[in-house]
C-alpha cells in the first residue's frame, strides 16, 4: 500500500510563464536569423556572380551536414 504516496507539487505558474515566453523568444531568434541572412545575401550579390555560386555550394554543404547531424543525434 506504499504505492499511494503523494507526489511533490510542481509550481504551475512557472511552467505557464515559460510556456508563454517560449514562442516569443523563438520569434526573436528567427527575426535575427532572417536579418543576418538578408544582409549576407545582399553583400554576396554585390561581390559578383562567381562568389555567389561558391557561397551557394558552401551553404548547401553546411545545410546537408547539419541535417545529417540532426538526424543522427535525434535517436
C-alpha atoms as a PDB file:
ATOM      1  CA  UNK A   1       0.000   0.000   0.000  1.00  0.00           C
ATOM      2  CA  UNK A   2       3.026   2.302  -0.211  1.00  0.00           C
ATOM      3  CA  UNK A   3       2.220   2.993  -3.858  1.00  0.00           C
ATOM      4  CA  UNK A   4      -0.191   5.769  -2.878  1.00  0.00           C
ATOM      5  CA  UNK A   5       2.472   8.203  -1.654  1.00  0.00           C
ATOM      6  CA  UNK A   6       1.741  11.811  -2.624  1.00  0.00           C
ATOM      7  CA  UNK A   7       3.914  13.345  -5.304  1.00  0.00           C
ATOM      8  CA  UNK A   8       5.692  16.646  -4.656  1.00  0.00           C
ATOM      9  CA  UNK A   9       3.750  19.574  -6.072  1.00  0.00           C
ATOM     10  CA  UNK A  10       5.269  21.361  -9.057  1.00  0.00           C
ATOM     11  CA  UNK A  11       4.618  25.095  -9.404  1.00  0.00           C
ATOM     12  CA  UNK A  12       2.251  25.512 -12.338  1.00  0.00           C
ATOM     13  CA  UNK A  13       2.838  29.248 -12.636  1.00  0.00           C
ATOM     14  CA  UNK A  14       6.485  28.727 -13.519  1.00  0.00           C
ATOM     15  CA  UNK A  15       5.617  26.301 -16.309  1.00  0.00           C
ATOM     16  CA  UNK A  16       2.889  28.616 -17.618  1.00  0.00           C
ATOM     17  CA  UNK A  17       5.273  31.573 -17.720  1.00  0.00           C
ATOM     18  CA  UNK A  18       7.871  29.605 -19.670  1.00  0.00           C
ATOM     19  CA  UNK A  19       5.132  28.389 -21.990  1.00  0.00           C
ATOM     20  CA  UNK A  20       4.182  31.974 -22.773  1.00  0.00           C
ATOM     21  CA  UNK A  21       7.760  33.214 -23.234  1.00  0.00           C
ATOM     22  CA  UNK A  22       8.991  30.367 -25.407  1.00  0.00           C
ATOM     23  CA  UNK A  23       7.164  31.391 -28.629  1.00  0.00           C
ATOM     24  CA  UNK A  24       8.308  34.999 -28.150  1.00  0.00           C
ATOM     25  CA  UNK A  25      11.985  34.030 -27.907  1.00  0.00           C
ATOM     26  CA  UNK A  26      11.647  31.750 -30.921  1.00  0.00           C
ATOM     27  CA  UNK A  27      10.222  34.705 -32.854  1.00  0.00           C
ATOM     28  CA  UNK A  28      13.101  36.975 -31.779  1.00  0.00           C
ATOM     29  CA  UNK A  29      15.729  34.385 -32.730  1.00  0.00           C
ATOM     30  CA  UNK A  30      14.010  33.776 -36.070  1.00  0.00           C
ATOM     31  CA  UNK A  31      13.913  37.502 -36.833  1.00  0.00           C
ATOM     32  CA  UNK A  32      17.624  37.875 -36.066  1.00  0.00           C
ATOM     33  CA  UNK A  33      18.466  34.890 -38.295  1.00  0.00           C
ATOM     34  CA  UNK A  34      16.400  36.304 -41.171  1.00  0.00           C
ATOM     35  CA  UNK A  35      18.057  39.730 -40.811  1.00  0.00           C
ATOM     36  CA  UNK A  36      21.555  38.220 -40.883  1.00  0.00           C
ATOM     37  CA  UNK A  37      20.705  36.103 -43.918  1.00  0.00           C
ATOM     38  CA  UNK A  38      19.305  39.096 -45.807  1.00  0.00           C
ATOM     39  CA  UNK A  39      22.367  41.207 -45.022  1.00  0.00           C
ATOM     40  CA  UNK A  40      24.789  38.483 -46.077  1.00  0.00           C
ATOM     41  CA  UNK A  41      22.903  37.732 -49.306  1.00  0.00           C
ATOM     42  CA  UNK A  42      22.953  41.440 -50.195  1.00  0.00           C
ATOM     43  CA  UNK A  43      26.679  41.616 -49.584  1.00  0.00           C
ATOM     44  CA  UNK A  44      27.333  38.492 -51.650  1.00  0.00           C
ATOM     45  CA  UNK A  45      25.176  39.809 -54.504  1.00  0.00           C
ATOM     46  CA  UNK A  46      27.276  42.979 -54.645  1.00  0.00           C
ATOM     47  CA  UNK A  47      30.506  40.936 -54.867  1.00  0.00           C
ATOM     48  CA  UNK A  48      29.575  39.196 -58.084  1.00  0.00           C
ATOM     49  CA  UNK A  49      28.440  36.004 -59.708  1.00  0.00           C
ATOM     50  CA  UNK A  50      31.418  33.715 -59.004  1.00  0.00           C
ATOM     51  CA  UNK A  51      31.308  34.399 -55.273  1.00  0.00           C
ATOM     52  CA  UNK A  52      27.564  33.760 -55.223  1.00  0.00           C
ATOM     53  CA  UNK A  53      27.941  30.283 -56.731  1.00  0.00           C
ATOM     54  CA  UNK A  54      30.750  29.394 -54.314  1.00  0.00           C
ATOM     55  CA  UNK A  55      28.681  30.683 -51.398  1.00  0.00           C
ATOM     56  CA  UNK A  56      25.673  28.644 -52.518  1.00  0.00           C
ATOM     57  CA  UNK A  57      27.774  25.477 -52.673  1.00  0.00           C
ATOM     58  CA  UNK A  58      29.190  26.096 -49.199  1.00  0.00           C
ATOM     59  CA  UNK A  59      25.720  26.848 -47.828  1.00  0.00           C
ATOM     60  CA  UNK A  60      24.216  23.735 -49.389  1.00  0.00           C
ATOM     61  CA  UNK A  61      27.012  21.600 -47.923  1.00  0.00           C
ATOM     62  CA  UNK A  62      26.517  23.150 -44.488  1.00  0.00           C
ATOM     63  CA  UNK A  63      22.759  22.554 -44.605  1.00  0.00           C
ATOM     64  CA  UNK A  64      23.222  18.935 -45.647  1.00  0.00           C
ATOM     65  CA  UNK A  65      25.812  18.387 -42.907  1.00  0.00           C
ATOM     66  CA  UNK A  66      23.611  19.932 -40.211  1.00  0.00           C
ATOM     67  CA  UNK A  67      20.658  17.854 -41.379  1.00  0.00           C
ATOM     68  CA  UNK A  68      22.666  14.639 -41.180  1.00  0.00           C
ATOM     69  CA  UNK A  69      23.957  15.561 -37.710  1.00  0.00           C
ATOM     70  CA  UNK A  70      20.435  16.389 -36.561  1.00  0.00           C
ATOM     71  CA  UNK A  71      19.080  13.075 -37.771  1.00  0.00           C
ATOM     72  CA  UNK A  72      21.948  11.116 -36.225  1.00  0.00           C
ATOM     73  CA  UNK A  73      21.738  12.886 -32.864  1.00  0.00           C
ATOM     74  CA  UNK A  74      17.939  12.695 -32.691  1.00  0.00           C
ATOM     75  CA  UNK A  75      17.861   8.982 -31.915  1.00  0.00           C
END
